[in-house]
Amino acid sequence: TILMINPAAEELLKSSQEAVRGRKCFELLHGSQSPPKECPLKRMLM
């Protein structure tokens, strides 16, 4: 879940921090309901 983003991320997403806070990163970046198989965050948690 997105807690905060910097201005460069706001520019990339064409959206404000307030609009994306609380949403899942994979929804915004991959347009999916779950992380992609190659997601590095899943490996990082392990």
All heavy atoms as atom14 arrays in JSON, in Angstrom:
{
  "sequence": "TILMINPAAEELLKSSQEAVRGRKCFELLHGSQSPPKECPLKRMLM",
  "atom14_mask": [
    [1, 1, 1, 1, 1, 1, 1, 0, 0, 0, 0, 0, 0, 0],
    [1, 1, 1, 1, 1, 1, 1, 1, 0, 0, 0, 0, 0, 0],
    [1, 1, 1, 1, 1, 1, 1, 1, 0, 0, 0, 0, 0, 0],
    [1, 1, 1, 1, 1, 1, 1, 1, 0, 0, 0, 0, 0, 0],
    [1, 1, 1, 1, 1, 1, 1, 1, 0, 0, 0, 0, 0, 0],
    [1, 1, 1, 1, 1, 1, 1, 1, 0, 0, 0, 0, 0, 0],
    [1, 1, 1, 1, 1, 1, 1, 0, 0, 0, 0, 0, 0, 0],
    [1, 1, 1, 1, 1, 0, 0, 0, 0, 0, 0, 0, 0, 0],
    [1, 1, 1, 1, 1, 0, 0, 0, 0, 0, 0, 0, 0, 0],
    [1, 1, 1, 1, 1, 1, 1, 1, 1, 0, 0, 0, 0, 0],
    [1, 1, 1, 1, 1, 1, 1, 1, 1, 0, 0, 0, 0, 0],
    [1, 1, 1, 1, 1, 1, 1, 1, 0, 0, 0, 0, 0, 0],
    [1, 1, 1, 1, 1, 1, 1, 1, 0, 0, 0, 0, 0, 0],
    [1, 1, 1, 1, 1, 1, 1, 1, 1, 0, 0, 0, 0, 0],
    [1, 1, 1, 1, 1, 1, 0, 0, 0, 0, 0, 0, 0, 0],
    [1, 1, 1, 1, 1, 1, 0, 0, 0, 0, 0, 0, 0, 0],
    [1, 1, 1, 1, 1, 1, 1, 1, 1, 0, 0, 0, 0, 0],
    [1, 1, 1, 1, 1, 1, 1, 1, 1, 0, 0, 0, 0, 0],
    [1, 1, 1, 1, 1, 0, 0, 0, 0, 0, 0, 0, 0, 0],
    [1, 1, 1, 1, 1, 1, 1, 0, 0, 0, 0, 0, 0, 0],
    [1, 1, 1, 1, 1, 1, 1, 1, 1, 1, 1, 0, 0, 0],
    [1, 1, 1, 1, 0, 0, 0, 0, 0, 0, 0, 0, 0, 0],
    [1, 1, 1, 1, 1, 1, 1, 1, 1, 1, 1, 0, 0, 0],
    [1, 1, 1, 1, 1, 1, 1, 1, 1, 0, 0, 0, 0, 0],
    [1, 1, 1, 1, 1, 1, 0, 0, 0, 0, 0, 0, 0, 0],
    [1, 1, 1, 1, 1, 1, 1, 1, 1, 1, 1, 0, 0, 0],
    [1, 1, 1, 1, 1, 1, 1, 1, 1, 0, 0, 0, 0, 0],
    [1, 1, 1, 1, 1, 1, 1, 1, 0, 0, 0, 0, 0, 0],
    [1, 1, 1, 1, 1, 1, 1, 1, 0, 0, 0, 0, 0, 0],
    [1, 1, 1, 1, 1, 1, 1, 1, 1, 1, 0, 0, 0, 0],
    [1, 1, 1, 1, 0, 0, 0, 0, 0, 0, 0, 0, 0, 0],
    [1, 1, 1, 1, 1, 1, 0, 0, 0, 0, 0, 0, 0, 0],
    [1, 1, 1, 1, 1, 1, 1, 1, 1, 0, 0, 0, 0, 0],
    [1, 1, 1, 1, 1, 1, 0, 0, 0, 0, 0, 0, 0, 0],
    [1, 1, 1, 1, 1, 1, 1, 0, 0, 0, 0, 0, 0, 0],
    [1, 1, 1, 1, 1, 1, 1, 0, 0, 0, 0, 0, 0, 0],
    [1, 1, 1, 1, 1, 1, 1, 1, 1, 0, 0, 0, 0, 0],
    [1, 1, 1, 1, 1, 1, 1, 1, 1, 0, 0, 0, 0, 0],
    [1, 1, 1, 1, 1, 1, 0, 0, 0, 0, 0, 0, 0, 0],
    [1, 1, 1, 1, 1, 1, 1, 0, 0, 0, 0, 0, 0, 0],
    [1, 1, 1, 1, 1, 1, 1, 1, 0, 0, 0, 0, 0, 0],
    [1, 1, 1, 1, 1, 1, 1, 1, 1, 0, 0, 0, 0, 0],
    [1, 1, 1, 1, 1, 1, 1, 1, 1, 1, 1, 0, 0, 0],
    [1, 1, 1, 1, 1, 1, 1, 1, 0, 0, 0, 0, 0, 0],
    [1, 1, 1, 1, 1, 1, 1, 1, 0, 0, 0, 0, 0, 0],
    [1, 1, 1, 1, 1, 1, 1, 1, 0, 0, 0, 0, 0, 0]
  ],
  "atom14_positions": [
    [[0.85, -1.19, 0.0], [0.0, 0.0, 0.0], [0.88, 1.24, 0.0], [1.87, 1.31, 0.74], [-0.9, 0.02, 1.25], [-1.68, -1.18, 1.27], [-1.81, 1.23, 1.23], [0.0, 0.0, 0.0], [0.0, 0.0, 0.0], [0.0, 0.0, 0.0], [0.0, 0.0, 0.0], [0.0, 0.0, 0.0], [0.0, 0.0, 0.0], [0.0, 0.0, 0.0]],
    [[0.55, 2.19, -0.82], [1.35, 3.42, -0.93], [1.1, 4.32, 0.28], [-0.04, 4.67, 0.59], [1.0, 4.17, -2.23], [1.37, 3.32, -3.44], [1.72, 5.52, -2.28], [0.92, 3.9, -4.77], [0.0, 0.0, 0.0], [0.0, 0.0, 0.0], [0.0, 0.0, 0.0], [0.0, 0.0, 0.0], [0.0, 0.0, 0.0], [0.0, 0.0, 0.0]],
    [[2.18, 4.67, 0.97], [2.12, 5.57, 2.11], [2.44, 7.0, 1.71], [1.82, 7.95, 2.2], [3.09, 5.11, 3.2], [2.9, 3.67, 3.71], [3.98, 3.34, 4.72], [1.51, 3.49, 4.32], [0.0, 0.0, 0.0], [0.0, 0.0, 0.0], [0.0, 0.0, 0.0], [0.0, 0.0, 0.0], [0.0, 0.0, 0.0], [0.0, 0.0, 0.0]],
    [[3.42, 7.15, 0.82], [3.79, 8.47, 0.33], [4.62, 8.32, -0.93], [5.19, 7.26, -1.21], [4.58, 9.26, 1.38], [5.88, 8.59, 1.82], [6.66, 9.42, 3.24], [7.03, 11.03, 2.56], [0.0, 0.0, 0.0], [0.0, 0.0, 0.0], [0.0, 0.0, 0.0], [0.0, 0.0, 0.0], [0.0, 0.0, 0.0], [0.0, 0.0, 0.0]],
    [[4.66, 9.37, -1.73], [5.48, 9.4, -2.95], [6.14, 10.76, -3.05], [5.7, 11.73, -2.43], [4.64, 9.13, -4.23], [3.56, 10.2, -4.4], [4.04, 7.73, -4.19], [2.77, 10.05, -5.7], [0.0, 0.0, 0.0], [0.0, 0.0, 0.0], [0.0, 0.0, 0.0], [0.0, 0.0, 0.0], [0.0, 0.0, 0.0], [0.0, 0.0, 0.0]],
    [[7.22, 10.82, -3.81], [7.9, 12.11, -3.98], [7.37, 12.83, -5.23], [6.61, 12.25, -6.02], [9.42, 11.93, -4.02], [9.89, 11.27, -5.3], [9.13, 10.64, -6.02], [11.18, 11.42, -5.6], [0.0, 0.0, 0.0], [0.0, 0.0, 0.0], [0.0, 0.0, 0.0], [0.0, 0.0, 0.0], [0.0, 0.0, 0.0], [0.0, 0.0, 0.0]],
    [[7.75, 14.09, -5.45], [7.24, 14.83, -6.6], [7.53, 14.17, -7.95], [6.72, 14.26, -8.87], [7.97, 16.18, -6.48], [8.19, 16.35, -5.01], [8.51, 14.97, -4.52], [0.0, 0.0, 0.0], [0.0, 0.0, 0.0], [0.0, 0.0, 0.0], [0.0, 0.0, 0.0], [0.0, 0.0, 0.0], [0.0, 0.0, 0.0], [0.0, 0.0, 0.0]],
    [[8.69, 13.48, -8.06], [9.0, 12.81, -9.32], [8.0, 11.7, -9.6], [7.62, 11.45, -10.75], [10.42, 12.25, -9.28], [0.0, 0.0, 0.0], [0.0, 0.0, 0.0], [0.0, 0.0, 0.0], [0.0, 0.0, 0.0], [0.0, 0.0, 0.0], [0.0, 0.0, 0.0], [0.0, 0.0, 0.0], [0.0, 0.0, 0.0], [0.0, 0.0, 0.0]],
    [[7.55, 11.02, -8.56], [6.53, 9.97, -8.73], [5.18, 10.59, -9.08], [4.42, 10.03, -9.87], [6.42, 9.14, -7.46], [0.0, 0.0, 0.0], [0.0, 0.0, 0.0], [0.0, 0.0, 0.0], [0.0, 0.0, 0.0], [0.0, 0.0, 0.0], [0.0, 0.0, 0.0], [0.0, 0.0, 0.0], [0.0, 0.0, 0.0], [0.0, 0.0, 0.0]],
    [[4.87, 11.74, -8.49], [3.63, 12.44, -8.84], [3.63, 12.8, -10.33], [2.61, 12.64, -11.02], [3.48, 13.7, -7.99], [3.17, 13.43, -6.53], [3.0, 14.71, -5.74], [3.89, 15.59, -5.81], [1.96, 14.85, -5.07], [0.0, 0.0, 0.0], [0.0, 0.0, 0.0], [0.0, 0.0, 0.0], [0.0, 0.0, 0.0], [0.0, 0.0, 0.0]],
    [[4.78, 13.28, -10.8], [4.89, 13.65, -12.21], [4.76, 12.42, -13.1], [4.11, 12.46, -14.16], [6.22, 14.34, -12.46], [6.41, 14.81, -13.88], [7.72, 15.54, -14.09], [8.4, 15.85, -13.08], [8.08, 15.81, -15.26], [0.0, 0.0, 0.0], [0.0, 0.0, 0.0], [0.0, 0.0, 0.0], [0.0, 0.0, 0.0], [0.0, 0.0, 0.0]],
    [[5.38, 11.32, -12.68], [5.33, 10.09, -13.47], [3.9, 9.58, -13.58], [3.46, 9.17, -14.67], [6.21, 9.02, -12.82], [6.25, 7.66, -13.5], [7.03, 7.75, -14.81], [6.89, 6.62, -12.59], [0.0, 0.0, 0.0], [0.0, 0.0, 0.0], [0.0, 0.0, 0.0], [0.0, 0.0, 0.0], [0.0, 0.0, 0.0], [0.0, 0.0, 0.0]],
    [[3.17, 9.6, -12.47], [1.8, 9.07, -12.44], [0.76, 10.07, -12.92], [-0.4, 9.7, -13.11], [1.45, 8.63, -11.02], [2.31, 7.51, -10.42], [1.93, 7.29, -8.95], [2.14, 6.23, -11.2], [0.0, 0.0, 0.0], [0.0, 0.0, 0.0], [0.0, 0.0, 0.0], [0.0, 0.0, 0.0], [0.0, 0.0, 0.0], [0.0, 0.0, 0.0]],
    [[1.2, 11.32, -13.07], [0.26, 12.4, -13.41], [-0.87, 12.45, -12.37], [-2.05, 12.59, -12.72], [-0.32, 12.2, -14.81], [0.72, 12.14, -15.91], [1.43, 13.48, -16.07], [2.33, 13.52, -17.3], [3.51, 12.65, -17.18], [0.0, 0.0, 0.0], [0.0, 0.0, 0.0], [0.0, 0.0, 0.0], [0.0, 0.0, 0.0], [0.0, 0.0, 0.0]],
    [[-0.47, 12.32, -11.11], [-1.45, 12.3, -10.03], [-0.8, 12.84, -8.76], [0.43, 12.83, -8.63], [-1.96, 10.88, -9.81], [-3.02, 10.86, -8.88], [0.0, 0.0, 0.0], [0.0, 0.0, 0.0], [0.0, 0.0, 0.0], [0.0, 0.0, 0.0], [0.0, 0.0, 0.0], [0.0, 0.0, 0.0], [0.0, 0.0, 0.0], [0.0, 0.0, 0.0]],
    [[-1.62, 13.28, -7.82], [-1.1, 13.84, -6.57], [-0.89, 12.76, -5.53], [-1.45, 11.65, -5.62], [-2.07, 14.88, -6.03], [-3.28, 14.25, -5.61], [0.0, 0.0, 0.0], [0.0, 0.0, 0.0], [0.0, 0.0, 0.0], [0.0, 0.0, 0.0], [0.0, 0.0, 0.0], [0.0, 0.0, 0.0], [0.0, 0.0, 0.0], [0.0, 0.0, 0.0]],
    [[-0.1, 13.1, -4.52], [0.16, 12.17, -3.43], [-1.15, 11.81, -2.72], [-1.38, 10.65, -2.36], [1.15, 12.78, -2.44], [1.48, 11.87, -1.28], [2.75, 12.29, -0.56], [3.27, 11.5, 0.21], [3.25, 13.48, -0.78], [0.0, 0.0, 0.0], [0.0, 0.0, 0.0], [0.0, 0.0, 0.0], [0.0, 0.0, 0.0], [0.0, 0.0, 0.0]],
    [[-2.01, 12.79, -2.54], [-3.28, 12.55, -1.85], [-4.15, 11.56, -2.62], [-4.86, 10.73, -2.04], [-4.03, 13.87, -1.66], [-3.4, 14.82, -0.67], [-2.12, 15.48, -1.19], [-1.94, 15.49, -2.43], [-1.32, 15.96, -0.38], [0.0, 0.0, 0.0], [0.0, 0.0, 0.0], [0.0, 0.0, 0.0], [0.0, 0.0, 0.0], [0.0, 0.0, 0.0]],
    [[-4.06, 11.61, -3.95], [-4.91, 10.75, -4.78], [-4.45, 9.3, -4.79], [-5.26, 8.39, -5.01], [-4.96, 11.29, -6.22], [0.0, 0.0, 0.0], [0.0, 0.0, 0.0], [0.0, 0.0, 0.0], [0.0, 0.0, 0.0], [0.0, 0.0, 0.0], [0.0, 0.0, 0.0], [0.0, 0.0, 0.0], [0.0, 0.0, 0.0], [0.0, 0.0, 0.0]],
    [[-3.15, 9.07, -4.59], [-2.63, 7.7, -4.68], [-2.39, 7.07, -3.32], [-2.23, 5.85, -3.24], [-1.32, 7.66, -5.5], [-1.53, 8.25, -6.89], [-0.19, 8.38, -4.79], [0.0, 0.0, 0.0], [0.0, 0.0, 0.0], [0.0, 0.0, 0.0], [0.0, 0.0, 0.0], [0.0, 0.0, 0.0], [0.0, 0.0, 0.0], [0.0, 0.0, 0.0]],
    [[-2.34, 7.86, -2.26], [-2.1, 7.31, -0.93], [-3.2, 6.31, -0.57], [-4.38, 6.58, -0.75], [-2.03, 8.41, 0.11], [-1.65, 7.89, 1.5], [-1.65, 9.0, 2.54], [-0.57, 9.94, 2.32], [-0.75, 11.24, 2.08], [-1.98, 11.75, 2.03], [0.27, 12.04, 1.91], [0.0, 0.0, 0.0], [0.0, 0.0, 0.0], [0.0, 0.0, 0.0]],
    [[-2.78, 5.14, -0.11], [-3.75, 4.11, 0.26], [-4.03, 3.11, -0.85], [-4.65, 2.07, -0.61], [0.0, 0.0, 0.0], [0.0, 0.0, 0.0], [0.0, 0.0, 0.0], [0.0, 0.0, 0.0], [0.0, 0.0, 0.0], [0.0, 0.0, 0.0], [0.0, 0.0, 0.0], [0.0, 0.0, 0.0], [0.0, 0.0, 0.0], [0.0, 0.0, 0.0]],
    [[-3.57, 3.39, -2.07], [-3.77, 2.45, -3.17], [-2.59, 1.49, -3.27], [-1.52, 1.74, -2.74], [-3.95, 3.22, -4.49], [-5.18, 4.12, -4.5], [-5.38, 4.76, -5.84], [-5.63, 3.76, -6.88], [-5.8, 4.06, -8.18], [-5.75, 5.34, -8.57], [-6.03, 3.12, -9.06], [0.0, 0.0, 0.0], [0.0, 0.0, 0.0], [0.0, 0.0, 0.0]],
    [[-2.78, 0.38, -3.95], [-1.73, -0.61, -4.14], [-0.83, -0.18, -5.29], [-1.32, 0.3, -6.32], [-2.32, -1.99, -4.43], [-3.24, -2.51, -3.35], [-2.49, -2.75, -2.03], [-3.4, -3.38, -0.99], [-2.7, -3.62, 0.3], [0.0, 0.0, 0.0], [0.0, 0.0, 0.0], [0.0, 0.0, 0.0], [0.0, 0.0, 0.0], [0.0, 0.0, 0.0]],
    [[0.47, -0.39, -5.13], [1.41, 0.02, -6.18], [1.16, -0.75, -7.48], [1.29, -0.19, -8.57], [2.85, -0.17, -5.72], [3.29, -1.87, -5.31], [0.0, 0.0, 0.0], [0.0, 0.0, 0.0], [0.0, 0.0, 0.0], [0.0, 0.0, 0.0], [0.0, 0.0, 0.0], [0.0, 0.0, 0.0], [0.0, 0.0, 0.0], [0.0, 0.0, 0.0]],
    [[0.8, -2.04, -7.37], [0.6, -2.83, -8.59], [-0.64, -2.39, -9.37], [-0.72, -2.57, -10.58], [0.56, -4.33, -8.28], [-0.32, -4.73, -7.14], [-1.7, -4.86, -7.28], [0.23, -4.98, -5.88], [-2.5, -5.23, -6.23], [-0.57, -5.36, -4.81], [-1.95, -5.48, -4.98], [0.0, 0.0, 0.0], [0.0, 0.0, 0.0], [0.0, 0.0, 0.0]],
    [[-1.61, -1.8, -8.67], [-2.77, -1.26, -9.37], [-2.38, -0.08, -10.24], [-2.81, 0.03, -11.4], [-3.84, -0.83, -8.36], [-4.48, -1.96, -7.57], [-5.47, -1.44, -6.55], [-5.68, -0.21, -6.52], [-6.04, -2.25, -5.8], [0.0, 0.0, 0.0], [0.0, 0.0, 0.0], [0.0, 0.0, 0.0], [0.0, 0.0, 0.0], [0.0, 0.0, 0.0]],
    [[-1.55, 0.8, -9.68], [-1.16, 2.01, -10.39], [-0.13, 1.74, -11.48], [-0.18, 2.36, -12.55], [-0.6, 3.04, -9.4], [-1.61, 3.68, -8.45], [-0.88, 4.55, -7.44], [-2.61, 4.52, -9.24], [0.0, 0.0, 0.0], [0.0, 0.0, 0.0], [0.0, 0.0, 0.0], [0.0, 0.0, 0.0], [0.0, 0.0, 0.0], [0.0, 0.0, 0.0]],
    [[0.81, 0.84, -11.23], [1.91, 0.63, -12.16], [1.65, -0.49, -13.16], [2.17, -0.43, -14.28], [3.19, 0.34, -11.39], [3.66, 1.46, -10.45], [4.9, 1.03, -9.68], [3.94, 2.74, -11.22], [0.0, 0.0, 0.0], [0.0, 0.0, 0.0], [0.0, 0.0, 0.0], [0.0, 0.0, 0.0], [0.0, 0.0, 0.0], [0.0, 0.0, 0.0]],
    [[0.87, -1.47, -12.77], [0.66, -2.62, -13.67], [-0.8, -2.81, -14.08], [-1.09, -3.66, -14.92], [1.17, -3.9, -13.0], [2.62, -3.83, -12.64], [3.63, -3.93, -13.58], [3.23, -3.65, -11.44], [4.8, -3.82, -12.97], [4.59, -3.65, -11.68], [0.0, 0.0, 0.0], [0.0, 0.0, 0.0], [0.0, 0.0, 0.0], [0.0, 0.0, 0.0]],
    [[-1.68, -2.01, -13.49], [-3.08, -2.13, -13.85], [-3.66, -3.48, -13.51], [-4.57, -3.97, -14.19], [0.0, 0.0, 0.0], [0.0, 0.0, 0.0], [0.0, 0.0, 0.0], [0.0, 0.0, 0.0], [0.0, 0.0, 0.0], [0.0, 0.0, 0.0], [0.0, 0.0, 0.0], [0.0, 0.0, 0.0], [0.0, 0.0, 0.0], [0.0, 0.0, 0.0]],
    [[-3.16, -4.11, -12.43], [-3.58, -5.45, -12.05], [-4.09, -5.48, -10.62], [-3.92, -4.52, -9.87], [-2.42, -6.44, -12.21], [-1.36, -6.1, -11.34], [0.0, 0.0, 0.0], [0.0, 0.0, 0.0], [0.0, 0.0, 0.0], [0.0, 0.0, 0.0], [0.0, 0.0, 0.0], [0.0, 0.0, 0.0], [0.0, 0.0, 0.0], [0.0, 0.0, 0.0]],
    [[-4.7, -6.61, -10.26], [-5.23, -6.76, -8.91], [-4.28, -7.53, -7.99], [-4.59, -7.77, -6.83], [-6.57, -7.5, -8.97], [-7.65, -6.73, -9.72], [-7.89, -5.35, -9.13], [-8.11, -5.21, -7.93], [-7.85, -4.33, -9.98], [0.0, 0.0, 0.0], [0.0, 0.0, 0.0], [0.0, 0.0, 0.0], [0.0, 0.0, 0.0], [0.0, 0.0, 0.0]],
    [[-3.11, -7.89, -8.53], [-2.1, -8.6, -7.74], [-0.73, -8.28, -8.3], [-0.6, -7.88, -9.46], [-2.35, -10.11, -7.76], [-2.3, -10.6, -9.08], [0.0, 0.0, 0.0], [0.0, 0.0, 0.0], [0.0, 0.0, 0.0], [0.0, 0.0, 0.0], [0.0, 0.0, 0.0], [0.0, 0.0, 0.0], [0.0, 0.0, 0.0], [0.0, 0.0, 0.0]],
    [[0.33, -8.46, -7.51], [1.69, -8.15, -7.98], [2.11, -9.09, -9.1], [1.7, -10.26, -9.13], [2.56, -8.37, -6.73], [1.61, -8.36, -5.58], [0.32, -8.89, -6.1], [0.0, 0.0, 0.0], [0.0, 0.0, 0.0], [0.0, 0.0, 0.0], [0.0, 0.0, 0.0], [0.0, 0.0, 0.0], [0.0, 0.0, 0.0], [0.0, 0.0, 0.0]],
    [[2.92, -8.61, -10.04], [3.45, -9.49, -11.09], [4.41, -10.52, -10.51], [4.96, -10.31, -9.42], [4.17, -8.52, -12.04], [4.49, -7.33, -11.21], [3.38, -7.22, -10.2], [0.0, 0.0, 0.0], [0.0, 0.0, 0.0], [0.0, 0.0, 0.0], [0.0, 0.0, 0.0], [0.0, 0.0, 0.0], [0.0, 0.0, 0.0], [0.0, 0.0, 0.0]],
    [[4.63, -11.61, -11.23], [5.47, -12.69, -10.73], [6.89, -12.23, -10.43], [7.53, -12.71, -9.5], [5.5, -13.84, -11.74], [4.18, -14.56, -11.89], [4.29, -15.7, -12.89], [2.97, -16.43, -13.03], [3.05, -17.55, -14.02], [0.0, 0.0, 0.0], [0.0, 0.0, 0.0], [0.0, 0.0, 0.0], [0.0, 0.0, 0.0], [0.0, 0.0, 0.0]],
    [[7.41, -11.31, -11.25], [8.79, -10.87, -11.09], [8.96, -9.74, -10.08], [10.05, -9.15, -9.96], [9.37, -10.45, -12.43], [8.7, -9.24, -13.1], [7.52, -9.62, -13.98], [6.87, -10.65, -13.7], [7.24, -8.87, -14.93], [0.0, 0.0, 0.0], [0.0, 0.0, 0.0], [0.0, 0.0, 0.0], [0.0, 0.0, 0.0], [0.0, 0.0, 0.0]],
    [[7.92, -9.41, -9.33], [7.96, -8.3, -8.38], [9.11, -8.46, -7.39], [9.17, -9.45, -6.66], [6.63, -8.21, -7.63], [6.62, -6.93, -6.35], [0.0, 0.0, 0.0], [0.0, 0.0, 0.0], [0.0, 0.0, 0.0], [0.0, 0.0, 0.0], [0.0, 0.0, 0.0], [0.0, 0.0, 0.0], [0.0, 0.0, 0.0], [0.0, 0.0, 0.0]],
    [[10.02, -7.48, -7.31], [11.15, -7.6, -6.38], [10.75, -7.43, -4.92], [11.47, -7.85, -4.03], [12.09, -6.48, -6.83], [11.19, -5.47, -7.46], [10.1, -6.26, -8.13], [0.0, 0.0, 0.0], [0.0, 0.0, 0.0], [0.0, 0.0, 0.0], [0.0, 0.0, 0.0], [0.0, 0.0, 0.0], [0.0, 0.0, 0.0], [0.0, 0.0, 0.0]],
    [[9.58, -6.81, -4.67], [9.17, -6.61, -3.28], [8.87, -7.94, -2.6], [9.19, -8.14, -1.43], [7.94, -5.69, -3.23], [7.55, -5.18, -1.84], [6.96, -3.79, -1.93], [6.57, -6.12, -1.15], [0.0, 0.0, 0.0], [0.0, 0.0, 0.0], [0.0, 0.0, 0.0], [0.0, 0.0, 0.0], [0.0, 0.0, 0.0], [0.0, 0.0, 0.0]],
    [[8.28, -8.88, -3.34], [8.0, -10.2, -2.75], [9.3, -10.9, -2.36], [9.39, -11.52, -1.3], [7.21, -11.04, -3.75], [5.8, -10.5, -4.03], [4.97, -11.49, -4.81], [5.52, -11.74, -6.2], [4.65, -12.66, -6.98], [0.0, 0.0, 0.0], [0.0, 0.0, 0.0], [0.0, 0.0, 0.0], [0.0, 0.0, 0.0], [0.0, 0.0, 0.0]],
    [[10.31, -10.79, -3.23], [11.6, -11.4, -2.91], [12.27, -10.7, -1.74], [12.92, -11.33, -0.91], [12.52, -11.37, -4.14], [12.0, -12.13, -5.33], [13.13, -12.47, -6.3], [13.98, -11.33, -6.58], [13.76, -10.46, -7.56], [12.69, -10.58, -8.33], [14.58, -9.46, -7.76], [0.0, 0.0, 0.0], [0.0, 0.0, 0.0], [0.0, 0.0, 0.0]],
    [[12.11, -9.38, -1.67], [12.72, -8.6, -0.6], [12.16, -9.0, 0.76], [12.88, -9.09, 1.75], [12.5, -7.11, -0.86], [13.19, -6.18, 0.13], [12.13, -4.8, 0.58], [10.9, -5.61, 1.59], [0.0, 0.0, 0.0], [0.0, 0.0, 0.0], [0.0, 0.0, 0.0], [0.0, 0.0, 0.0], [0.0, 0.0, 0.0], [0.0, 0.0, 0.0]],
    [[10.84, -9.24, 0.82], [10.23, -9.65, 2.08], [10.77, -11.0, 2.55], [10.85, -11.27, 3.75], [8.7, -9.72, 1.93], [7.99, -8.37, 1.78], [6.51, -8.59, 1.5], [8.19, -7.49, 3.0], [0.0, 0.0, 0.0], [0.0, 0.0, 0.0], [0.0, 0.0, 0.0], [0.0, 0.0, 0.0], [0.0, 0.0, 0.0], [0.0, 0.0, 0.0]],
    [[11.17, -11.85, 1.59], [11.71, -13.15, 1.95], [13.19, -13.07, 2.33], [13.64, -13.72, 3.27], [11.52, -14.12, 0.78], [10.06, -14.43, 0.46], [9.88, -15.55, -0.93], [10.67, -17.02, -0.26], [0.0, 0.0, 0.0], [0.0, 0.0, 0.0], [0.0, 0.0, 0.0], [0.0, 0.0, 0.0], [0.0, 0.0, 0.0], [0.0, 0.0, 0.0]]
  ]
}
